[in-house]
Amino acid sequence: MSLHQRCDVSIDQYIQKRYLEIMDAVSDDIDEYNRTYGLEAEYLLVDDRLDLAEETIRDRIVEKTDFLKKELGCSQVEINTSPVRIVDGYEDMMKEYSGKEYDLKRVAEEEKHHIVRLGMYPGKVDSIKITSNKHRYIDRLNIIERIRPKYVDIRINGKDYIHMQNYIAGAQALHINIHVSKGEAVYRLNRAYELSGYIMALVAASPFLDGCDSIYDDIRQVLWNNGYEDRKLDEYIIRDNRTTIPATYYVDIEDYIRKVSEQIQLDDNYDTVLYSCQKMNWRICRLKVIDFESAPKIILELRYLPIQLTLERDVLCSLFIIGCIFYNEDKCQDLLPISLVSENMRRACHFSMDEKMYFYNGRDIVEKPVKEILEILLHRSLCYWNKINIEIAERVDEKISEYIERGNVAQEIRKVRYQEHYNDENWIEAIIRKGIV
């Protein structure tokens, strides 16, 4: 008999109880010089003709390594780096990350395939196939399909898109995982939300969908927000969405646990629901507990970044963000109202670097050009890094200043489409080649 059958409490009560028990065992002491971070990076696989890889090929590539994971798309794989100390966060992560990317590239080439760094597959969505992994993906996608309201379908260039939850199989993310203590976890999470729109403007990398310009700078995040919406119209006021940005900041760890446990659970088995609850909490930022049974740790995960065109840009953007989150120890400092955070994210996905956003300067809420805000955030990030590692501070200063000046990846690959004079037949091929490692 499963624990589900034996248990006499509801799913949400069970999740809250187990989470709180685990939190009691979490250490609240992190030496800043031993704090770690890790990255999860998703790649596309294409063949010599630049067609998306078949699932059998993808699976063979995964089986040849001990560090790759299968993803939702038949043509997607994910690298998980080992955690490295933040104080050595450039050199150690570059070594760790580039070594695994090199091995992935080598194994893919053995199968006559290439690995691609693109936030969104730019070709026809009909080419994007969902994995046949029934337990991990298909069952849950079917649940989403049943509960997902149809009014959130979007129209791009005169065409309605209805199965948006499936198109994530062509979208590649970069997730940043940072070790945080119990005492600081919710404050760092709320700060990460506040920063999200500004950071998205810097890293937006997904302008194309279904063989056309989506008019967004990051269509990937729009697909997430709409494709996994699970509320009916009359639930908008009484229930929060499971994706994007919450309706309010979290008060403390107990408030976070309660709200996560109250979301619609896609798993009704008490043996696995705690893991599933974390996995299916699709906020752009979230807390997750690892090593449940041995030495539990809290990880702050940032999930909204698309993969960048280069590995070094992934690493330096990550270090810039870490500096922004940790530069200030004042946990009582006011945050920008979260409704304006959501508006900033909306503007970032649409217009990114060419927009004004709301910004709290410590006294007033003002609208400022994004590049000016990013310059302020760069100064704050450098305040952190100059205390931790001056060499990293210099690298972050040089490269993030360059990214702010030159623009994000969405702007860069749009130049391939519009300024390099590719015709309608071969611009998609040119974009894919731009992303090949």
Protein backbone atom coordinates (compact mmCIF):
# COMPACT_ATOMS: atom_id res chain seq x y z
CA MET A 1 0.00 0.00 0.00
CA SER A 2 1.40 3.39 -0.97
CA LEU A 3 1.88 6.22 1.48
CA HIS A 4 -0.87 7.97 -0.47
CA GLN A 5 -3.33 5.30 0.65
CA ARG A 6 -2.07 5.28 4.25
CA CYS A 7 -1.95 9.03 4.74
CA ASP A 8 -4.79 10.76 6.53
CA VAL A 9 -3.87 14.36 5.60
CA SER A 10 -4.37 16.27 2.37
CA ILE A 11 -1.60 16.67 -0.19
CA ASP A 12 -1.01 20.34 0.61
CA GLN A 13 -0.95 19.65 4.37
CA TYR A 14 1.54 16.84 3.84
CA ILE A 15 3.81 19.04 1.70
CA GLN A 16 3.78 21.83 4.27
CA LYS A 17 4.51 19.43 7.13
CA ARG A 18 7.41 17.70 5.33
CA TYR A 19 8.91 20.97 4.09
CA LEU A 20 8.91 22.45 7.59
CA GLU A 21 10.50 19.28 9.00
CA ILE A 22 13.23 19.45 6.39
CA MET A 23 13.78 23.18 6.96
CA ASP A 24 14.43 22.48 10.64
CA ALA A 25 17.45 20.43 9.56
CA VAL A 26 18.87 23.09 7.20
CA SER A 27 22.01 24.83 8.41
CA ASP A 28 21.66 28.59 8.75
CA ASP A 29 25.37 29.26 8.47
CA ILE A 30 27.11 29.90 5.11
CA ASP A 31 30.62 31.25 4.95
CA GLU A 32 30.55 33.79 2.09
CA TYR A 33 33.86 32.42 0.81
CA ASN A 34 32.44 28.91 0.64
CA ARG A 35 29.09 29.80 -0.95
CA THR A 36 28.62 27.88 -4.21
CA TYR A 37 26.70 28.19 -7.45
CA GLY A 38 26.03 25.93 -10.41
CA LEU A 39 24.49 26.20 -13.86
CA GLU A 40 21.99 24.15 -15.87
CA ALA A 41 22.23 24.81 -19.61
CA GLU A 42 19.95 23.46 -22.33
CA TYR A 43 21.14 22.89 -25.89
CA LEU A 44 19.50 22.05 -29.19
CA LEU A 45 20.81 19.22 -31.35
CA VAL A 46 20.72 19.50 -35.16
CA ASP A 47 22.08 17.33 -37.96
CA ASP A 48 24.30 18.40 -40.88
CA ARG A 49 21.23 19.68 -42.74
CA LEU A 50 20.34 21.75 -39.65
CA ASP A 51 17.19 19.71 -39.05
CA LEU A 52 16.30 18.99 -35.42
CA ALA A 53 17.71 15.72 -34.09
CA GLU A 54 15.55 12.64 -33.75
CA GLU A 55 14.90 11.39 -30.24
CA THR A 56 16.86 8.17 -30.80
CA ILE A 57 19.95 10.21 -31.71
CA ARG A 58 19.49 12.46 -28.69
CA ASP A 59 19.17 9.43 -26.42
CA ARG A 60 22.35 7.86 -27.81
CA ILE A 61 24.25 11.07 -27.15
CA VAL A 62 22.98 11.18 -23.56
CA GLU A 63 23.90 7.53 -22.97
CA LYS A 64 27.51 8.19 -24.01
CA THR A 65 28.03 10.64 -21.14
CA ASP A 66 27.49 10.70 -17.38
CA PHE A 67 26.54 14.37 -17.10
CA LEU A 68 23.73 14.94 -19.64
CA LYS A 69 19.99 14.92 -19.01
CA LYS A 70 17.14 14.48 -21.46
CA GLU A 71 14.77 17.40 -21.76
CA LEU A 72 11.17 17.96 -22.87
CA GLY A 73 12.10 18.29 -26.54
CA CYS A 74 13.29 15.28 -28.54
CA SER A 75 16.20 17.44 -29.72
CA GLN A 76 17.16 18.93 -26.35
CA VAL A 77 19.81 17.99 -23.80
CA GLU A 78 20.85 19.63 -20.55
CA ILE A 79 24.27 20.06 -18.98
CA ASN A 80 24.38 20.31 -15.20
CA THR A 81 27.64 21.70 -13.88
CA SER A 82 29.05 20.72 -10.55
CA PRO A 83 28.79 23.54 -7.99
CA VAL A 84 31.82 25.81 -7.69
CA ARG A 85 32.73 28.32 -5.02
CA ILE A 86 31.48 31.80 -5.90
CA VAL A 87 34.79 33.30 -4.84
CA ASP A 88 36.41 31.33 -7.69
CA GLY A 89 33.28 31.62 -9.79
CA TYR A 90 34.85 32.65 -13.09
CA GLU A 91 37.88 30.42 -13.61
CA ASP A 92 36.45 27.33 -11.92
CA MET A 93 33.09 27.61 -13.69
CA MET A 94 34.70 28.26 -17.08
CA LYS A 95 36.80 25.13 -16.62
CA GLU A 96 33.89 23.00 -15.40
CA TYR A 97 31.33 24.28 -17.92
CA SER A 98 33.60 24.40 -20.98
CA GLY A 99 34.87 20.90 -20.29
CA LYS A 100 31.35 19.49 -20.33
CA GLU A 101 30.36 21.55 -23.37
CA TYR A 102 33.44 20.28 -25.22
CA ASP A 103 32.55 16.67 -24.36
CA LEU A 104 28.95 17.22 -25.49
CA LYS A 105 30.15 18.73 -28.77
CA ARG A 106 32.53 15.79 -29.33
CA VAL A 107 29.89 13.14 -28.64
CA ALA A 108 27.33 14.95 -30.83
CA GLU A 109 29.81 15.11 -33.70
CA GLU A 110 30.37 11.35 -33.39
CA GLU A 111 26.66 11.07 -34.24
CA LYS A 112 27.10 13.63 -37.07
CA HIS A 113 25.18 16.26 -35.15
CA HIS A 114 25.89 19.73 -33.81
CA ILE A 115 25.04 21.49 -30.56
CA VAL A 116 23.29 24.85 -30.80
CA ARG A 117 23.04 27.79 -28.38
CA LEU A 118 19.75 29.51 -29.16
CA GLY A 119 17.05 30.67 -26.75
CA MET A 120 14.33 29.52 -29.17
CA TYR A 121 14.35 27.33 -32.26
CA PRO A 122 13.57 29.82 -35.07
CA GLY A 123 12.04 27.36 -37.53
CA LYS A 124 8.52 26.01 -37.89
CA VAL A 125 6.89 24.85 -34.67
CA ASP A 126 5.65 21.72 -36.46
CA SER A 127 9.29 20.55 -36.41
CA ILE A 128 9.42 20.67 -32.61
CA LYS A 129 8.69 17.23 -31.15
CA ILE A 130 7.91 16.26 -27.56
CA THR A 131 9.85 13.46 -25.92
CA SER A 132 8.15 10.09 -25.52
CA ASN A 133 9.07 10.00 -21.81
CA LYS A 134 5.57 9.37 -20.55
CA HIS A 135 6.10 9.48 -16.80
CA ARG A 136 8.25 12.60 -16.62
CA TYR A 137 6.62 14.74 -19.29
CA ILE A 138 3.68 13.36 -21.28
CA ASP A 139 1.38 12.67 -18.33
CA ARG A 140 1.97 16.14 -16.92
CA LEU A 141 1.55 17.86 -20.27
CA ASN A 142 -1.76 16.06 -20.67
CA ILE A 143 -2.88 17.41 -17.28
CA ILE A 144 -1.87 20.93 -18.33
CA GLU A 145 -3.73 20.51 -21.61
CA ARG A 146 -6.91 19.58 -19.73
CA ILE A 147 -6.82 22.41 -17.20
CA ARG A 148 -5.26 25.12 -19.32
CA PRO A 149 -7.83 27.79 -20.30
CA LYS A 150 -8.02 28.61 -23.98
CA TYR A 151 -8.31 32.36 -23.53
CA VAL A 152 -4.54 32.64 -22.98
CA ASP A 153 -3.69 31.61 -26.55
CA ILE A 154 -1.61 34.26 -28.25
CA ARG A 155 -1.64 35.70 -31.75
CA ILE A 156 1.62 36.51 -33.53
CA ASN A 157 1.68 37.99 -37.00
CA GLY A 158 -1.99 37.14 -37.50
CA LYS A 159 -1.67 33.50 -36.44
CA ASP A 160 -3.17 31.96 -33.29
CA TYR A 161 -0.93 29.67 -31.23
CA ILE A 162 -2.79 27.18 -29.05
CA HIS A 163 -0.41 24.43 -27.90
CA MET A 164 2.14 26.78 -26.40
CA GLN A 165 3.08 24.41 -23.60
CA ASN A 166 4.56 22.10 -26.26
CA TYR A 167 6.67 24.81 -27.89
CA ILE A 168 8.89 24.96 -24.80
CA ALA A 169 10.43 21.84 -26.35
CA GLY A 170 12.21 24.24 -28.70
CA ALA A 171 13.24 26.77 -26.02
CA GLN A 172 16.61 26.58 -24.26
CA ALA A 173 17.17 28.03 -20.80
CA LEU A 174 20.09 28.81 -18.53
CA HIS A 175 19.30 28.20 -14.85
CA ILE A 176 21.47 29.65 -12.08
CA ASN A 177 21.50 27.73 -8.77
CA ILE A 178 22.88 29.53 -5.71
CA HIS A 179 23.33 28.08 -2.23
CA VAL A 180 21.55 30.26 0.36
CA SER A 181 20.95 29.95 4.08
CA LYS A 182 17.51 29.57 5.65
CA GLY A 183 17.68 33.01 7.21
CA GLU A 184 18.42 34.84 3.97
CA ALA A 185 16.57 32.63 1.47
CA VAL A 186 13.30 34.56 1.13
CA TYR A 187 15.02 37.96 1.11
CA ARG A 188 17.35 36.84 -1.71
CA LEU A 189 14.39 35.32 -3.58
CA ASN A 190 12.39 38.54 -3.37
CA ARG A 191 15.43 40.54 -4.48
CA ALA A 192 15.86 38.20 -7.45
CA TYR A 193 12.25 38.87 -8.47
CA GLU A 194 12.77 42.63 -8.23
CA LEU A 195 15.79 42.40 -10.56
CA SER A 196 14.18 40.07 -13.09
CA GLY A 197 12.90 42.60 -15.65
CA TYR A 198 16.21 44.46 -15.81
CA ILE A 199 18.15 41.22 -16.18
CA MET A 200 15.79 39.94 -18.87
CA ALA A 201 16.43 43.10 -20.87
CA LEU A 202 20.17 42.30 -20.77
CA VAL A 203 19.87 38.61 -21.65
CA ALA A 204 16.82 38.46 -23.99
CA ALA A 205 17.72 36.05 -26.79
CA SER A 206 14.56 34.59 -28.33
CA PRO A 207 12.97 36.86 -30.96
CA PHE A 208 11.95 34.26 -33.56
CA LEU A 209 9.15 31.68 -33.54
CA ASP A 210 7.63 29.53 -36.25
CA GLY A 211 9.76 30.97 -39.02
CA CYS A 212 8.94 34.60 -38.30
CA ASP A 213 9.83 37.53 -36.09
CA SER A 214 7.62 37.25 -33.00
CA ILE A 215 7.92 41.02 -32.36
CA TYR A 216 9.06 40.06 -28.85
CA ASP A 217 12.70 40.15 -27.81
CA ASP A 218 12.11 37.06 -25.69
CA ILE A 219 9.20 34.93 -26.88
CA ARG A 220 10.42 32.02 -24.75
CA GLN A 221 9.26 33.65 -21.51
CA VAL A 222 5.91 34.58 -23.09
CA LEU A 223 5.36 30.92 -24.02
CA TRP A 224 6.06 29.89 -20.43
CA ASN A 225 3.72 32.49 -18.97
CA ASN A 226 0.82 31.63 -21.26
CA GLY A 227 1.44 27.96 -22.01
CA TYR A 228 1.33 26.89 -18.37
CA GLU A 229 -1.44 29.19 -17.13
CA ASP A 230 -3.83 27.02 -15.12
CA ARG A 231 -6.42 29.50 -13.79
CA LYS A 232 -9.95 30.05 -14.97
CA LEU A 233 -11.09 33.63 -15.48
CA ASP A 234 -12.92 33.74 -12.15
CA GLU A 235 -9.80 32.47 -10.33
CA TYR A 236 -7.53 35.38 -11.26
CA ILE A 237 -8.33 37.28 -8.06
CA ILE A 238 -8.43 34.36 -5.63
CA ARG A 239 -5.55 32.20 -6.88
CA ASP A 240 -2.01 32.92 -8.02
CA ASN A 241 -0.54 31.51 -11.21
CA ARG A 242 2.14 28.79 -10.98
CA THR A 243 4.44 30.51 -13.50
CA THR A 244 6.16 33.89 -13.93
CA ILE A 245 6.06 36.35 -10.96
CA PRO A 246 3.91 35.89 -7.81
CA ALA A 247 1.17 38.35 -6.90
CA THR A 248 3.02 39.35 -3.72
CA TYR A 249 6.50 39.04 -2.30
CA TYR A 250 6.99 36.24 0.22
CA VAL A 251 6.94 37.21 3.90
CA ASP A 252 9.11 34.37 5.26
CA ILE A 253 9.98 30.75 4.60
CA GLU A 254 6.70 29.51 6.09
CA ASP A 255 4.74 31.81 3.75
CA TYR A 256 6.74 30.49 0.79
CA ILE A 257 6.10 26.85 1.70
CA ARG A 258 2.38 27.47 2.24
CA LYS A 259 1.93 29.14 -1.14
CA VAL A 260 3.91 26.51 -3.02
CA SER A 261 1.91 23.71 -1.40
CA GLU A 262 -1.38 25.37 -2.37
CA GLN A 263 -0.70 25.31 -6.11
CA ILE A 264 -2.47 22.66 -8.19
CA GLN A 265 -0.41 19.50 -7.68
CA LEU A 266 0.30 17.40 -10.76
CA ASP A 267 1.26 14.38 -8.67
CA ASP A 268 -1.07 12.70 -6.15
CA ASN A 269 1.46 10.16 -4.81
CA TYR A 270 2.68 11.06 -1.34
CA ASP A 271 5.93 9.16 -1.96
CA THR A 272 6.98 11.55 -4.75
CA VAL A 273 4.85 14.66 -4.35
CA LEU A 274 7.44 16.72 -2.46
CA TYR A 275 9.94 16.37 -5.30
CA SER A 276 7.20 16.97 -7.89
CA CYS A 277 5.93 20.02 -6.03
CA GLN A 278 9.37 21.61 -6.30
CA LYS A 279 9.83 20.54 -9.90
CA MET A 280 6.44 21.81 -11.03
CA ASN A 281 6.73 25.17 -9.28
CA TRP A 282 7.45 27.08 -12.49
CA ARG A 283 8.11 30.52 -11.09
CA ILE A 284 10.86 32.48 -12.83
CA CYS A 285 12.72 32.27 -9.49
CA ARG A 286 12.18 29.68 -6.79
CA LEU A 287 13.66 28.02 -3.74
CA LYS A 288 14.32 24.30 -3.78
CA VAL A 289 15.72 21.92 -1.20
CA ILE A 290 18.33 19.38 -2.24
CA ASP A 291 19.72 16.39 -0.36
CA PHE A 292 16.43 15.92 1.53
CA GLU A 293 17.48 12.91 3.55
CA SER A 294 21.14 13.63 4.35
CA ALA A 295 22.25 17.26 4.70
CA PRO A 296 19.47 19.41 3.23
CA LYS A 297 20.47 22.68 1.55
CA ILE A 298 18.37 25.53 0.16
CA ILE A 299 19.06 26.58 -3.41
CA LEU A 300 17.88 29.82 -4.97
CA GLU A 301 17.20 29.02 -8.63
CA LEU A 302 16.84 31.68 -11.34
CA ARG A 303 14.99 30.07 -14.25
CA TYR A 304 14.06 32.79 -16.73
CA LEU A 305 17.35 33.33 -18.55
CA PRO A 306 17.66 32.01 -22.10
CA ILE A 307 20.97 30.43 -23.00
CA GLN A 308 23.39 32.95 -24.53
CA LEU A 309 25.43 32.64 -27.72
CA THR A 310 28.65 31.92 -25.84
CA LEU A 311 29.55 30.02 -22.71
CA GLU A 312 31.56 32.93 -21.34
CA ARG A 313 28.54 35.22 -21.66
CA ASP A 314 26.50 32.68 -19.66
CA VAL A 315 29.09 32.73 -16.88
CA LEU A 316 29.65 36.49 -16.76
CA CYS A 317 25.93 37.30 -16.80
CA SER A 318 25.50 34.81 -13.95
CA LEU A 319 28.26 36.45 -11.91
CA PHE A 320 26.81 39.90 -12.59
CA ILE A 321 23.41 38.73 -11.30
CA ILE A 322 24.94 37.10 -8.21
CA GLY A 323 26.64 40.40 -7.40
CA CYS A 324 23.33 42.26 -7.78
CA ILE A 325 21.51 39.87 -5.46
CA PHE A 326 24.17 39.78 -2.72
CA TYR A 327 25.59 43.31 -2.74
CA ASN A 328 23.25 44.54 0.01
CA GLU A 329 22.89 42.85 3.38
CA ASP A 330 20.03 45.13 4.54
CA LYS A 331 17.10 42.72 4.61
CA CYS A 332 14.77 45.55 5.62
CA GLN A 333 15.38 47.58 2.47
CA ASP A 334 12.19 48.34 0.56
CA LEU A 335 11.54 46.60 -2.75
CA LEU A 336 9.88 47.87 -5.90
CA PRO A 337 6.13 46.99 -5.75
CA ILE A 338 5.75 43.59 -7.34
CA SER A 339 3.04 44.78 -9.73
CA LEU A 340 5.69 47.04 -11.27
CA VAL A 341 8.14 44.13 -11.34
CA SER A 342 5.62 42.26 -13.51
CA GLU A 343 5.24 45.30 -15.75
CA ASN A 344 9.02 45.55 -16.07
CA MET A 345 9.19 41.91 -17.15
CA ARG A 346 6.45 42.48 -19.71
CA ARG A 347 8.39 45.39 -21.17
CA ALA A 348 11.64 43.41 -21.12
CA CYS A 349 10.13 40.55 -23.12
CA HIS A 350 8.70 43.00 -25.67
CA PHE A 351 11.29 45.73 -26.05
CA SER A 352 14.21 44.83 -23.76
CA MET A 353 17.04 47.36 -24.08
CA ASP A 354 14.99 50.01 -25.89
CA GLU A 355 12.51 50.61 -23.08
CA LYS A 356 12.09 52.54 -19.86
CA MET A 357 11.34 50.59 -16.69
CA TYR A 358 10.23 51.31 -13.16
CA PHE A 359 13.04 51.63 -10.64
CA TYR A 360 13.11 52.31 -6.91
CA ASN A 361 16.07 54.56 -6.05
CA GLY A 362 15.69 54.34 -2.29
CA ARG A 363 13.42 57.38 -2.11
CA ASP A 364 11.10 57.40 -5.09
CA ILE A 365 9.81 55.14 -7.85
CA VAL A 366 10.90 56.53 -11.20
CA GLU A 367 10.92 55.45 -14.84
CA LYS A 368 14.42 55.24 -16.27
CA PRO A 369 15.96 53.94 -19.51
CA VAL A 370 16.99 50.32 -19.10
CA LYS A 371 20.63 51.00 -19.91
CA GLU A 372 20.83 53.58 -17.11
CA ILE A 373 19.33 51.08 -14.66
CA LEU A 374 21.78 48.39 -15.77
CA GLU A 375 24.68 50.80 -15.20
CA ILE A 376 23.42 51.34 -11.63
CA LEU A 377 23.11 47.58 -11.11
CA LEU A 378 26.60 47.04 -12.52
CA HIS A 379 27.98 49.47 -9.93
CA ARG A 380 26.16 47.55 -7.18
CA SER A 381 27.39 44.21 -8.46
CA LEU A 382 30.96 45.51 -8.51
CA CYS A 383 30.60 46.64 -4.88
CA TYR A 384 30.05 42.96 -4.03
CA TRP A 385 32.76 41.56 -6.29
CA ASN A 386 35.43 44.04 -5.20
CA LYS A 387 35.06 42.57 -1.71
CA ILE A 388 35.05 38.95 -2.90
CA ASN A 389 37.39 38.75 -5.90
CA ILE A 390 38.88 41.79 -7.64
CA GLU A 391 39.78 39.84 -10.80
CA ILE A 392 36.15 38.79 -11.22
CA ALA A 393 35.09 42.38 -10.60
CA GLU A 394 37.32 43.54 -13.46
CA ARG A 395 35.98 40.88 -15.84
CA VAL A 396 32.35 41.61 -14.93
CA ASP A 397 32.92 45.35 -15.32
CA GLU A 398 34.52 44.99 -18.75
CA LYS A 399 32.15 42.48 -20.30
CA ILE A 400 28.82 43.60 -18.82
CA SER A 401 29.63 47.19 -19.84
CA GLU A 402 30.21 45.84 -23.35
CA TYR A 403 26.93 43.88 -23.35
CA ILE A 404 25.02 46.97 -22.17
CA GLU A 405 26.59 49.08 -24.90
CA ARG A 406 26.25 46.56 -27.76
CA GLY A 407 22.84 45.20 -26.81
CA ASN A 408 21.49 41.73 -26.08
CA VAL A 409 21.53 38.53 -28.11
CA ALA A 410 18.03 39.17 -29.50
CA GLN A 411 19.32 42.34 -31.12
CA GLU A 412 22.43 40.55 -32.36
CA ILE A 413 20.63 37.74 -34.12
CA ARG A 414 18.02 40.12 -35.54
CA LYS A 415 20.93 41.74 -37.39
CA VAL A 416 21.56 38.39 -39.04
CA ARG A 417 17.95 38.36 -40.22
CA TYR A 418 17.62 41.98 -41.37
CA GLN A 419 21.04 43.44 -42.04
CA GLU A 420 22.91 40.58 -43.66
CA HIS A 421 20.42 40.32 -46.54
CA TYR A 422 19.37 36.71 -46.19
CA ASN A 423 16.26 35.86 -48.17
CA ASP A 424 13.18 34.13 -46.79
CA GLU A 425 14.55 30.70 -47.67
CA ASN A 426 17.84 30.77 -45.81
CA TRP A 427 17.70 33.24 -42.91
CA ILE A 428 16.53 30.51 -40.49
CA GLU A 429 19.54 28.43 -41.49
CA ALA A 430 21.79 31.44 -40.88
CA ILE A 431 20.35 31.94 -37.39
CA ILE A 432 20.91 28.28 -36.50
CA ARG A 433 24.48 28.44 -37.79
CA LYS A 434 25.01 31.51 -35.61
CA GLY A 435 24.19 29.37 -32.58
CA ILE A 436 26.30 26.30 -33.45
CA VAL A 437 29.14 25.73 -31.00
